[in-house]
Amino acid sequence: IEVITGTERMEQLYQRLKKEFKRAGGNSIQTLSQVLALGG
């Protein structure tokens, strides 16, 4: 994965997911976005 592509995708996923999973906390949502970005 390219650096810019990967980090942008993580942030896009985070912004989409934080409304759905806000009770889980920012760190868990960030990890979730990393998992999904890694999985393409």
Full PDB file with SEQRES, HELIX, SHEET, SSBOND, CRYST1, ORIGX, SCALE, CONECT and MASTER records, all heavy atoms in Angstrom:
SEQRES   1 A   40  ILE GLU VAL ILE THR GLY THR GLU ARG MET GLU GLN LEU          
SEQRES   2 A   40  TYR GLN ARG LEU LYS LYS GLU PHE LYS ARG ALA GLY GLY          
SEQRES   3 A   40  ASN SER ILE GLN THR LEU SER GLN VAL LEU ALA LEU GLY          
SEQRES   4 A   40  GLY                                                          
HELIX    1 AA1 VAL A    3  LEU A   17  1                                  15    
HELIX    2 AA2 LYS A   22  ALA A   24  5                                   3    
HELIX    3 AA3 GLY A   26  LEU A   38  1                                  13    
CRYST1    1.000    1.000    1.000  90.00  90.00  90.00 P 1           1          
ORIGX1      1.000000  0.000000  0.000000        0.00000                         
ORIGX2      0.000000  1.000000  0.000000        0.00000                         
ORIGX3      0.000000  0.000000  1.000000        0.00000                         
SCALE1      1.000000  0.000000  0.000000        0.00000                         
SCALE2      0.000000  1.000000  0.000000        0.00000                         
SCALE3      0.000000  0.000000  1.000000        0.00000                         
ATOM      1  N   ILE A   1       0.838  -1.197   0.000  1.00  0.00           N  
ATOM      2  CA  ILE A   1       0.000   0.000   0.000  1.00  0.00           C  
ATOM      3  C   ILE A   1       0.876   1.252   0.000  1.00  0.00           C  
ATOM      4  O   ILE A   1       1.842   1.338   0.758  1.00  0.00           O  
ATOM      5  CB  ILE A   1      -0.935  -0.004   1.233  1.00  0.00           C  
ATOM      6  CG1 ILE A   1      -1.862  -1.225   1.191  1.00  0.00           C  
ATOM      7  CG2 ILE A   1      -1.754   1.279   1.307  1.00  0.00           C  
ATOM      8  CD1 ILE A   1      -2.670  -1.424   2.461  1.00  0.00           C  
ATOM      9  N   GLU A   2       0.538   2.208  -0.855  1.00  0.00           N  
ATOM     10  CA  GLU A   2       1.272   3.473  -0.879  1.00  0.00           C  
ATOM     11  C   GLU A   2       0.937   4.304   0.364  1.00  0.00           C  
ATOM     12  O   GLU A   2      -0.186   4.247   0.870  1.00  0.00           O  
ATOM     13  CB  GLU A   2       0.911   4.277  -2.136  1.00  0.00           C  
ATOM     14  CG  GLU A   2       1.399   3.642  -3.434  1.00  0.00           C  
ATOM     15  CD  GLU A   2       2.912   3.581  -3.508  1.00  0.00           C  
ATOM     16  OE1 GLU A   2       3.560   4.512  -2.973  1.00  0.00           O  
ATOM     17  OE2 GLU A   2       3.449   2.615  -4.079  1.00  0.00           O  
ATOM     18  N   VAL A   3       1.918   5.064   0.845  1.00  0.00           N  
ATOM     19  CA  VAL A   3       1.762   5.797   2.109  1.00  0.00           C  
ATOM     20  C   VAL A   3       0.588   6.772   2.052  1.00  0.00           C  
ATOM     21  O   VAL A   3      -0.287   6.752   2.924  1.00  0.00           O  
ATOM     22  CB  VAL A   3       3.063   6.548   2.474  1.00  0.00           C  
ATOM     23  CG1 VAL A   3       2.833   7.418   3.715  1.00  0.00           C  
ATOM     24  CG2 VAL A   3       4.195   5.553   2.727  1.00  0.00           C  
ATOM     25  N   ILE A   4       0.561   7.621   1.031  1.00  0.00           N  
ATOM     26  CA  ILE A   4      -0.506   8.631   0.955  1.00  0.00           C  
ATOM     27  C   ILE A   4      -1.866   7.965   0.778  1.00  0.00           C  
ATOM     28  O   ILE A   4      -2.843   8.314   1.463  1.00  0.00           O  
ATOM     29  CB  ILE A   4      -0.237   9.624  -0.197  1.00  0.00           C  
ATOM     30  CG1 ILE A   4       1.024  10.437   0.099  1.00  0.00           C  
ATOM     31  CG2 ILE A   4      -1.431  10.544  -0.407  1.00  0.00           C  
ATOM     32  CD1 ILE A   4       1.451  11.364  -1.014  1.00  0.00           C  
ATOM     33  N   THR A   5      -1.923   6.968  -0.094  1.00  0.00           N  
ATOM     34  CA  THR A   5      -3.186   6.250  -0.322  1.00  0.00           C  
ATOM     35  C   THR A   5      -3.674   5.590   0.962  1.00  0.00           C  
ATOM     36  O   THR A   5      -4.856   5.681   1.314  1.00  0.00           O  
ATOM     37  CB  THR A   5      -3.000   5.170  -1.409  1.00  0.00           C  
ATOM     38  OG1 THR A   5      -2.541   5.781  -2.609  1.00  0.00           O  
ATOM     39  CG2 THR A   5      -4.307   4.431  -1.673  1.00  0.00           C  
ATOM     40  N   GLY A   6      -2.755   4.928   1.654  1.00  0.00           N  
ATOM     41  CA  GLY A   6      -3.127   4.207   2.873  1.00  0.00           C  
ATOM     42  C   GLY A   6      -3.588   5.116   3.996  1.00  0.00           C  
ATOM     43  O   GLY A   6      -4.609   4.847   4.642  1.00  0.00           O  
ATOM     44  N   THR A   7      -2.851   6.185   4.250  1.00  0.00           N  
ATOM     45  CA  THR A   7      -3.222   7.077   5.354  1.00  0.00           C  
ATOM     46  C   THR A   7      -4.513   7.839   5.046  1.00  0.00           C  
ATOM     47  O   THR A   7      -5.332   8.065   5.945  1.00  0.00           O  
ATOM     48  CB  THR A   7      -2.078   8.072   5.666  1.00  0.00           C  
ATOM     49  OG1 THR A   7      -1.674   8.737   4.461  1.00  0.00           O  
ATOM     50  CG2 THR A   7      -0.888   7.348   6.268  1.00  0.00           C  
ATOM     51  N   GLU A   8      -4.705   8.199   3.780  1.00  0.00           N  
ATOM     52  CA  GLU A   8      -5.951   8.870   3.410  1.00  0.00           C  
ATOM     53  C   GLU A   8      -7.138   7.935   3.559  1.00  0.00           C  
ATOM     54  O   GLU A   8      -8.207   8.330   4.031  1.00  0.00           O  
ATOM     55  CB  GLU A   8      -5.868   9.383   1.968  1.00  0.00           C  
ATOM     56  CG  GLU A   8      -4.990  10.618   1.819  1.00  0.00           C  
ATOM     57  CD  GLU A   8      -4.948  11.124   0.380  1.00  0.00           C  
ATOM     58  OE1 GLU A   8      -5.459  10.393  -0.516  1.00  0.00           O  
ATOM     59  OE2 GLU A   8      -4.405  12.224   0.157  1.00  0.00           O  
ATOM     60  N   ARG A   9      -6.945   6.675   3.163  1.00  0.00           N  
ATOM     61  CA  ARG A   9      -8.030   5.691   3.284  1.00  0.00           C  
ATOM     62  C   ARG A   9      -8.372   5.452   4.753  1.00  0.00           C  
ATOM     63  O   ARG A   9      -9.554   5.362   5.122  1.00  0.00           O  
ATOM     64  CB  ARG A   9      -7.621   4.380   2.616  1.00  0.00           C  
ATOM     65  CG  ARG A   9      -8.700   3.291   2.638  1.00  0.00           C  
ATOM     66  CD  ARG A   9      -9.969   3.758   1.973  1.00  0.00           C  
ATOM     67  NE  ARG A   9     -10.981   2.716   1.959  1.00  0.00           N  
ATOM     68  CZ  ARG A   9     -12.284   2.942   1.900  1.00  0.00           C  
ATOM     69  NH1 ARG A   9     -12.736   4.191   1.848  1.00  0.00           N  
ATOM     70  NH2 ARG A   9     -13.141   1.956   1.884  1.00  0.00           N  
ATOM     71  N   MET A  10      -7.355   5.358   5.606  1.00  0.00           N  
ATOM     72  CA  MET A  10      -7.602   5.189   7.046  1.00  0.00           C  
ATOM     73  C   MET A  10      -8.461   6.323   7.593  1.00  0.00           C  
ATOM     74  O   MET A  10      -9.416   6.089   8.337  1.00  0.00           O  
ATOM     75  CB  MET A  10      -6.269   5.154   7.810  1.00  0.00           C  
ATOM     76  CG  MET A  10      -5.625   3.807   7.918  1.00  0.00           C  
ATOM     77  SD  MET A  10      -4.135   3.916   8.937  1.00  0.00           S  
ATOM     78  CE  MET A  10      -2.882   4.130   7.692  1.00  0.00           C  
ATOM     79  N   GLU A  11      -8.103   7.539   7.233  1.00  0.00           N  
ATOM     80  CA  GLU A  11      -8.818   8.698   7.750  1.00  0.00           C  
ATOM     81  C   GLU A  11     -10.246   8.749   7.209  1.00  0.00           C  
ATOM     82  O   GLU A  11     -11.189   9.081   7.949  1.00  0.00           O  
ATOM     83  CB  GLU A  11      -8.070   9.983   7.400  1.00  0.00           C  
ATOM     84  CG  GLU A  11      -8.668  11.248   8.016  1.00  0.00           C  
ATOM     85  CD  GLU A  11      -8.714  11.241   9.534  1.00  0.00           C  
ATOM     86  OE1 GLU A  11      -7.960  10.456  10.156  1.00  0.00           O  
ATOM     87  OE2 GLU A  11      -9.507  12.026  10.103  1.00  0.00           O  
ATOM     88  N   GLN A  12     -10.417   8.420   5.930  1.00  0.00           N  
ATOM     89  CA  GLN A  12     -11.768   8.377   5.362  1.00  0.00           C  
ATOM     90  C   GLN A  12     -12.635   7.360   6.090  1.00  0.00           C  
ATOM     91  O   GLN A  12     -13.801   7.629   6.412  1.00  0.00           O  
ATOM     92  CB  GLN A  12     -11.696   8.028   3.869  1.00  0.00           C  
ATOM     93  CG  GLN A  12     -11.117   9.125   2.987  1.00  0.00           C  
ATOM     94  CD  GLN A  12     -10.743   8.616   1.608  1.00  0.00           C  
ATOM     95  OE1 GLN A  12     -10.918   7.442   1.288  1.00  0.00           O  
ATOM     96  NE2 GLN A  12     -10.216   9.512   0.775  1.00  0.00           N  
ATOM     97  N   LEU A  13     -12.063   6.192   6.349  1.00  0.00           N  
ATOM     98  CA  LEU A  13     -12.797   5.145   7.067  1.00  0.00           C  
ATOM     99  C   LEU A  13     -13.125   5.591   8.485  1.00  0.00           C  
ATOM    100  O   LEU A  13     -14.237   5.369   8.976  1.00  0.00           O  
ATOM    101  CB  LEU A  13     -11.970   3.848   7.094  1.00  0.00           C  
ATOM    102  CG  LEU A  13     -11.924   3.068   5.781  1.00  0.00           C  
ATOM    103  CD1 LEU A  13     -10.799   2.036   5.825  1.00  0.00           C  
ATOM    104  CD2 LEU A  13     -13.256   2.379   5.516  1.00  0.00           C  
ATOM    105  N   TYR A  14     -12.155   6.223   9.134  1.00  0.00           N  
ATOM    106  CA  TYR A  14     -12.384   6.693  10.505  1.00  0.00           C  
ATOM    107  C   TYR A  14     -13.559   7.669  10.550  1.00  0.00           C  
ATOM    108  O   TYR A  14     -14.437   7.559  11.418  1.00  0.00           O  
ATOM    109  CB  TYR A  14     -11.126   7.367  11.058  1.00  0.00           C  
ATOM    110  CG  TYR A  14     -11.324   7.864  12.474  1.00  0.00           C  
ATOM    111  CD1 TYR A  14     -11.111   7.016  13.556  1.00  0.00           C  
ATOM    112  CD2 TYR A  14     -11.752   9.170  12.731  1.00  0.00           C  
ATOM    113  CE1 TYR A  14     -11.315   7.457  14.858  1.00  0.00           C  
ATOM    114  CE2 TYR A  14     -11.967   9.613  14.015  1.00  0.00           C  
ATOM    115  CZ  TYR A  14     -11.742   8.752  15.073  1.00  0.00           C  
ATOM    116  OH  TYR A  14     -11.966   9.196  16.365  1.00  0.00           O  
ATOM    117  N   GLN A  15     -13.573   8.611   9.631  1.00  0.00           N  
ATOM    118  CA  GLN A  15     -14.635   9.618   9.621  1.00  0.00           C  
ATOM    119  C   GLN A  15     -16.001   8.985   9.361  1.00  0.00           C  
ATOM    120  O   GLN A  15     -17.007   9.425   9.912  1.00  0.00           O  
ATOM    121  CB  GLN A  15     -14.335  10.696   8.569  1.00  0.00           C  
ATOM    122  CG  GLN A  15     -13.096  11.535   8.864  1.00  0.00           C  
ATOM    123  CD  GLN A  15     -13.177  12.239  10.213  1.00  0.00           C  
ATOM    124  OE1 GLN A  15     -14.242  12.646  10.673  1.00  0.00           O  
ATOM    125  NE2 GLN A  15     -12.017  12.394  10.866  1.00  0.00           N  
ATOM    126  N   ARG A  16     -16.029   7.939   8.530  1.00  0.00           N  
ATOM    127  CA  ARG A  16     -17.294   7.255   8.258  1.00  0.00           C  
ATOM    128  C   ARG A  16     -17.737   6.402   9.438  1.00  0.00           C  
ATOM    129  O   ARG A  16     -18.934   6.276   9.705  1.00  0.00           O  
ATOM    130  CB  ARG A  16     -17.153   6.363   7.021  1.00  0.00           C  
ATOM    131  CG  ARG A  16     -17.144   7.133   5.709  1.00  0.00           C  
ATOM    132  CD  ARG A  16     -17.453   6.224   4.547  1.00  0.00           C  
ATOM    133  NE  ARG A  16     -18.781   5.613   4.679  1.00  0.00           N  
ATOM    134  CZ  ARG A  16     -19.257   4.673   3.862  1.00  0.00           C  
ATOM    135  NH1 ARG A  16     -18.523   4.250   2.862  1.00  0.00           N  
ATOM    136  NH2 ARG A  16     -20.454   4.163   4.044  1.00  0.00           N  
ATOM    137  N   LEU A  17     -16.784   5.808  10.134  1.00  0.00           N  
ATOM    138  CA  LEU A  17     -17.108   4.842  11.184  1.00  0.00           C  
ATOM    139  C   LEU A  17     -17.388   5.477  12.538  1.00  0.00           C  
ATOM    140  O   LEU A  17     -18.079   4.881  13.366  1.00  0.00           O  
ATOM    141  CB  LEU A  17     -15.952   3.839  11.333  1.00  0.00           C  
ATOM    142  CG  LEU A  17     -15.733   2.898  10.152  1.00  0.00           C  
ATOM    143  CD1 LEU A  17     -14.370   2.225  10.255  1.00  0.00           C  
ATOM    144  CD2 LEU A  17     -16.841   1.847  10.075  1.00  0.00           C  
ATOM    145  N   LYS A  18     -16.869   6.666  12.778  1.00  0.00           N  
ATOM    146  CA  LYS A  18     -16.981   7.237  14.122  1.00  0.00           C  
ATOM    147  C   LYS A  18     -18.425   7.519  14.517  1.00  0.00           C  
ATOM    148  O   LYS A  18     -18.775   7.466  15.706  1.00  0.00           O  
ATOM    149  CB  LYS A  18     -16.119   8.487  14.261  1.00  0.00           C  
ATOM    150  CG  LYS A  18     -16.578   9.687  13.462  1.00  0.00           C  
ATOM    151  CD  LYS A  18     -15.660  10.874  13.745  1.00  0.00           C  
ATOM    152  CE  LYS A  18     -16.116  12.125  13.003  1.00  0.00           C  
ATOM    153  NZ  LYS A  18     -15.245  13.285  13.311  1.00  0.00           N  
ATOM    154  N   LYS A  19     -19.283   7.780  13.529  1.00  0.00           N  
ATOM    155  CA  LYS A  19     -20.696   8.016  13.844  1.00  0.00           C  
ATOM    156  C   LYS A  19     -21.404   6.716  14.210  1.00  0.00           C  
ATOM    157  O   LYS A  19     -22.345   6.702  15.001  1.00  0.00           O  
ATOM    158  CB  LYS A  19     -21.393   8.673  12.649  1.00  0.00           C  
ATOM    159  CG  LYS A  19     -20.841  10.043  12.292  1.00  0.00           C  
ATOM    160  CD  LYS A  19     -21.490  10.579  11.026  1.00  0.00           C  
ATOM    161  CE  LYS A  19     -20.863  11.911  10.625  1.00  0.00           C  
ATOM    162  NZ  LYS A  19     -21.421  12.426   9.350  1.00  0.00           N  
ATOM    163  N   GLU A  20     -20.942   5.629  13.612  1.00  0.00           N  
ATOM    164  CA  GLU A  20     -21.570   4.333  13.849  1.00  0.00           C  
ATOM    165  C   GLU A  20     -21.133   3.693  15.163  1.00  0.00           C  
ATOM    166  O   GLU A  20     -21.899   2.966  15.797  1.00  0.00           O  
ATOM    167  CB  GLU A  20     -21.228   3.373  12.696  1.00  0.00           C  
ATOM    168  CG  GLU A  20     -21.746   3.795  11.342  1.00  0.00           C  
ATOM    169  CD  GLU A  20     -23.245   3.560  11.201  1.00  0.00           C  
ATOM    170  OE1 GLU A  20     -23.804   2.816  12.020  1.00  0.00           O  
ATOM    171  OE2 GLU A  20     -23.834   4.131  10.270  1.00  0.00           O  
ATOM    172  N   PHE A  21     -19.877   3.955  15.558  1.00  0.00           N  
ATOM    173  CA  PHE A  21     -19.311   3.230  16.700  1.00  0.00           C  
ATOM    174  C   PHE A  21     -18.749   4.167  17.767  1.00  0.00           C  
ATOM    175  O   PHE A  21     -17.772   3.826  18.443  1.00  0.00           O  
ATOM    176  CB  PHE A  21     -18.198   2.288  16.213  1.00  0.00           C  
ATOM    177  CG  PHE A  21     -18.659   1.254  15.225  1.00  0.00           C  
ATOM    178  CD1 PHE A  21     -18.408   1.415  13.868  1.00  0.00           C  
ATOM    179  CD2 PHE A  21     -19.341   0.129  15.647  1.00  0.00           C  
ATOM    180  CE1 PHE A  21     -18.830   0.457  12.948  1.00  0.00           C  
ATOM    181  CE2 PHE A  21     -19.761  -0.841  14.747  1.00  0.00           C  
ATOM    182  CZ  PHE A  21     -19.502  -0.679  13.396  1.00  0.00           C  
ATOM    183  N   LYS A  22     -19.341   5.323  17.933  1.00  0.00           N  
ATOM    184  CA  LYS A  22     -18.766   6.331  18.831  1.00  0.00           C  
ATOM    185  C   LYS A  22     -18.612   5.843  20.263  1.00  0.00           C  
ATOM    186  O   LYS A  22     -17.722   6.291  20.986  1.00  0.00           O  
ATOM    187  CB  LYS A  22     -19.592   7.614  18.792  1.00  0.00           C  
ATOM    188  CG  LYS A  22     -21.056   7.462  19.125  1.00  0.00           C  
ATOM    189  CD  LYS A  22     -21.784   8.789  18.925  1.00  0.00           C  
ATOM    190  CE  LYS A  22     -23.280   8.649  19.175  1.00  0.00           C  
ATOM    191  NZ  LYS A  22     -23.993   9.920  18.921  1.00  0.00           N  
ATOM    192  N   ARG A  23     -19.465   4.923  20.709  1.00  0.00           N  
ATOM    193  CA  ARG A  23     -19.363   4.431  22.085  1.00  0.00           C  
ATOM    194  C   ARG A  23     -18.120   3.570  22.308  1.00  0.00           C  
ATOM    195  O   ARG A  23     -17.708   3.374  23.447  1.00  0.00           O  
ATOM    196  CB  ARG A  23     -20.609   3.633  22.450  1.00  0.00           C  
ATOM    197  CG  ARG A  23     -21.863   4.494  22.590  1.00  0.00           C  
ATOM    198  CD  ARG A  23     -23.011   3.691  23.131  1.00  0.00           C  
ATOM    199  NE  ARG A  23     -24.198   4.504  23.308  1.00  0.00           N  
ATOM    200  CZ  ARG A  23     -25.349   4.055  23.780  1.00  0.00           C  
ATOM    201  NH1 ARG A  23     -25.461   2.773  24.133  1.00  0.00           N  
ATOM    202  NH2 ARG A  23     -26.386   4.858  23.916  1.00  0.00           N  
ATOM    203  N   ALA A  24     -17.550   3.045  21.244  1.00  0.00           N  
ATOM    204  CA  ALA A  24     -16.364   2.193  21.380  1.00  0.00           C  
ATOM    205  C   ALA A  24     -15.106   3.001  21.680  1.00  0.00           C  
ATOM    206  O   ALA A  24     -14.127   2.469  22.205  1.00  0.00           O  
ATOM    207  CB  ALA A  24     -16.150   1.372  20.114  1.00  0.00           C  
ATOM    208  N   GLY A  25     -15.120   4.301  21.370  1.00  0.00           N  
ATOM    209  CA  GLY A  25     -13.960   5.150  21.636  1.00  0.00           C  
ATOM    210  C   GLY A  25     -13.081   5.336  20.408  1.00  0.00           C  
ATOM    211  O   GLY A  25     -13.020   4.474  19.523  1.00  0.00           O  
ATOM    212  N   GLY A  26     -12.410   6.480  20.370  1.00  0.00           N  
ATOM    213  CA  GLY A  26     -11.603   6.855  19.213  1.00  0.00           C  
ATOM    214  C   GLY A  26     -10.499   5.882  18.870  1.00  0.00           C  
ATOM    215  O   GLY A  26     -10.249   5.595  17.692  1.00  0.00           O  
ATOM    216  N   ASN A  27      -9.799   5.341  19.889  1.00  0.00           N  
ATOM    217  CA  ASN A  27      -8.689   4.427  19.612  1.00  0.00           C  
ATOM    218  C   ASN A  27      -9.162   3.142  18.942  1.00  0.00           C  
ATOM    219  O   ASN A  27      -8.521   2.634  18.009  1.00  0.00           O  
ATOM    220  CB  ASN A  27      -7.940   4.085  20.903  1.00  0.00           C  
ATOM    221  CG  ASN A  27      -6.997   5.192  21.326  1.00  0.00           C  
ATOM    222  OD1 ASN A  27      -6.660   6.068  20.528  1.00  0.00           O  
ATOM    223  ND2 ASN A  27      -6.570   5.178  22.576  1.00  0.00           N  
ATOM    224  N   SER A  28     -10.294   2.602  19.406  1.00  0.00           N  
ATOM    225  CA  SER A  28     -10.817   1.374  18.807  1.00  0.00           C  
ATOM    226  C   SER A  28     -11.302   1.622  17.383  1.00  0.00           C  
ATOM    227  O   SER A  28     -11.121   0.778  16.503  1.00  0.00           O  
ATOM    228  CB  SER A  28     -11.970   0.819  19.652  1.00  0.00           C  
ATOM    229  OG  SER A  28     -11.483   0.287  20.859  1.00  0.00           O  
ATOM    230  N   ILE A  29     -11.912   2.777  17.163  1.00  0.00           N  
ATOM    231  CA  ILE A  29     -12.380   3.110  15.817  1.00  0.00           C  
ATOM    232  C   ILE A  29     -11.185   3.294  14.886  1.00  0.00           C  
ATOM    233  O   ILE A  29     -11.204   2.869  13.724  1.00  0.00           O  
ATOM    234  CB  ILE A  29     -13.255   4.376  15.838  1.00  0.00           C  
ATOM    235  CG1 ILE A  29     -14.502   4.144  16.702  1.00  0.00           C  
ATOM    236  CG2 ILE A  29     -13.678   4.772  14.422  1.00  0.00           C  
ATOM    237  CD1 ILE A  29     -15.292   5.403  17.003  1.00  0.00           C  
ATOM    238  N   GLN A  30     -10.123   3.896  15.407  1.00  0.00           N  
ATOM    239  CA  GLN A  30      -8.911   4.052  14.596  1.00  0.00           C  
ATOM    240  C   GLN A  30      -8.343   2.691  14.220  1.00  0.00           C  
ATOM    241  O   GLN A  30      -7.961   2.461  13.068  1.00  0.00           O  
ATOM    242  CB  GLN A  30      -7.853   4.869  15.349  1.00  0.00           C  
ATOM    243  CG  GLN A  30      -6.501   4.893  14.641  1.00  0.00           C  
ATOM    244  CD  GLN A  30      -5.809   6.234  14.696  1.00  0.00           C  
ATOM    245  OE1 GLN A  30      -6.425   7.268  14.498  1.00  0.00           O  
ATOM    246  NE2 GLN A  30      -4.519   6.216  14.962  1.00  0.00           N  
ATOM    247  N   THR A  31      -8.285   1.769  15.185  1.00  0.00           N  
ATOM    248  CA  THR A  31      -7.773   0.425  14.890  1.00  0.00           C  
ATOM    249  C   THR A  31      -8.654  -0.268  13.869  1.00  0.00           C  
ATOM    250  O   THR A  31      -8.162  -0.944  12.966  1.00  0.00           O  
ATOM    251  CB  THR A  31      -7.690  -0.418  16.172  1.00  0.00           C  
ATOM    252  OG1 THR A  31      -6.881   0.254  17.136  1.00  0.00           O  
ATOM    253  CG2 THR A  31      -7.069  -1.784  15.885  1.00  0.00           C  
ATOM    254  N   LEU A  32      -9.973  -0.116  14.008  1.00  0.00           N  
ATOM    255  CA  LEU A  32     -10.899  -0.699  13.032  1.00  0.00           C  
ATOM    256  C   LEU A  32     -10.623  -0.151  11.636  1.00  0.00           C  
ATOM    257  O   LEU A  32     -10.593  -0.907  10.656  1.00  0.00           O  
ATOM    258  CB  LEU A  32     -12.342  -0.403  13.447  1.00  0.00           C  
ATOM    259  CG  LEU A  32     -13.439  -0.828  12.456  1.00  0.00           C  
ATOM    260  CD1 LEU A  32     -13.397  -2.337  12.224  1.00  0.00           C  
ATOM    261  CD2 LEU A  32     -14.808  -0.402  12.969  1.00  0.00           C  
ATOM    262  N   SER A  33     -10.401   1.155  11.534  1.00  0.00           N  
ATOM    263  CA  SER A  33     -10.126   1.751  10.222  1.00  0.00           C  
ATOM    264  C   SER A  33      -8.811   1.210   9.659  1.00  0.00           C  
ATOM    265  O   SER A  33      -8.675   1.010   8.440  1.00  0.00           O  
ATOM    266  CB  SER A  33     -10.084   3.276  10.324  1.00  0.00           C  
ATOM    267  OG  SER A  33      -8.958   3.731  11.046  1.00  0.00           O  
ATOM    268  N   GLN A  34      -7.833   0.935  10.518  1.00  0.00           N  
ATOM    269  CA  GLN A  34      -6.561   0.367  10.081  1.00  0.00           C  
ATOM    270  C   GLN A  34      -6.752  -1.058   9.569  1.00  0.00           C  
ATOM    271  O   GLN A  34      -6.179  -1.452   8.548  1.00  0.00           O  
ATOM    272  CB  GLN A  34      -5.557   0.404  11.242  1.00  0.00           C  
ATOM    273  CG  GLN A  34      -5.112   1.813  11.614  1.00  0.00           C  
ATOM    274  CD  GLN A  34      -4.425   1.874  12.969  1.00  0.00           C  
ATOM    275  OE1 GLN A  34      -4.513   0.948  13.774  1.00  0.00           O  
ATOM    276  NE2 GLN A  34      -3.750   2.989  13.244  1.00  0.00           N  
ATOM    277  N   VAL A  35      -7.555  -1.840  10.289  1.00  0.00           N  
ATOM    278  CA  VAL A  35      -7.844  -3.219   9.879  1.00  0.00           C  
ATOM    279  C   VAL A  35      -8.473  -3.238   8.490  1.00  0.00           C  
ATOM    280  O   VAL A  35      -8.059  -3.999   7.602  1.00  0.00           O  
ATOM    281  CB  VAL A  35      -8.784  -3.901  10.896  1.00  0.00           C  
ATOM    282  CG1 VAL A  35      -9.328  -5.222  10.336  1.00  0.00           C  
ATOM    283  CG2 VAL A  35      -8.071  -4.158  12.213  1.00  0.00           C  
ATOM    284  N   LEU A  36      -9.473  -2.390   8.281  1.00  0.00           N  
ATOM    285  CA  LEU A  36     -10.187  -2.364   7.004  1.00  0.00           C  
ATOM    286  C   LEU A  36      -9.306  -1.842   5.875  1.00  0.00           C  
ATOM    287  O   LEU A  36      -9.351  -2.363   4.750  1.00  0.00           O  
ATOM    288  CB  LEU A  36     -11.444  -1.500   7.131  1.00  0.00           C  
ATOM    289  CG  LEU A  36     -12.501  -2.002   8.125  1.00  0.00           C  
ATOM    290  CD1 LEU A  36     -13.651  -1.008   8.222  1.00  0.00           C  
ATOM    291  CD2 LEU A  36     -13.017  -3.374   7.725  1.00  0.00           C  
ATOM    292  N   ALA A  37      -8.494  -0.834   6.162  1.00  0.00           N  
ATOM    293  CA  ALA A  37      -7.594  -0.299   5.136  1.00  0.00           C  
ATOM    294  C   ALA A  37      -6.549  -1.336   4.734  1.00  0.00           C  
ATOM    295  O   ALA A  37      -6.218  -1.482   3.554  1.00  0.00           O  
ATOM    296  CB  ALA A  37      -6.915   0.972   5.634  1.00  0.00           C  
ATOM    297  N   LEU A  38      -6.036  -2.077   5.703  1.00  0.00           N  
ATOM    298  CA  LEU A  38      -5.071  -3.141   5.402  1.00  0.00           C  
ATOM    299  C   LEU A  38      -5.708  -4.235   4.554  1.00  0.00           C  
ATOM    300  O   LEU A  38      -5.062  -4.824   3.696  1.00  0.00           O  
ATOM    301  CB  LEU A  38      -4.546  -3.765   6.702  1.00  0.00           C  
ATOM    302  CG  LEU A  38      -3.295  -3.155   7.319  1.00  0.00           C  
ATOM    303  CD1 LEU A  38      -3.040  -3.766   8.684  1.00  0.00           C  
ATOM    304  CD2 LEU A  38      -2.080  -3.361   6.415  1.00  0.00           C  
ATOM    305  N   GLY A  39      -6.979  -4.511   4.831  1.00  0.00           N  
ATOM    306  CA  GLY A  39      -7.685  -5.544   4.083  1.00  0.00           C  
ATOM    307  C   GLY A  39      -8.125  -5.094   2.705  1.00  0.00           C  
ATOM    308  O   GLY A  39      -8.725  -5.876   1.952  1.00  0.00           O  
ATOM    309  N   GLY A  40      -7.846  -3.836   2.343  1.00  0.00           N  
ATOM    310  CA  GLY A  40      -8.198  -3.322   1.029  1.00  0.00           C  
ATOM    311  C   GLY A  40      -9.688  -3.209   0.813  1.00  0.00           C  
ATOM    312  O   GLY A  40     -10.201  -3.388  -0.294  1.00  0.00           O  
TER     313      GLY A  40                                                      
MASTER        0    0    0    3    0    0    0    6  312    1    0    4          
END                                                                             
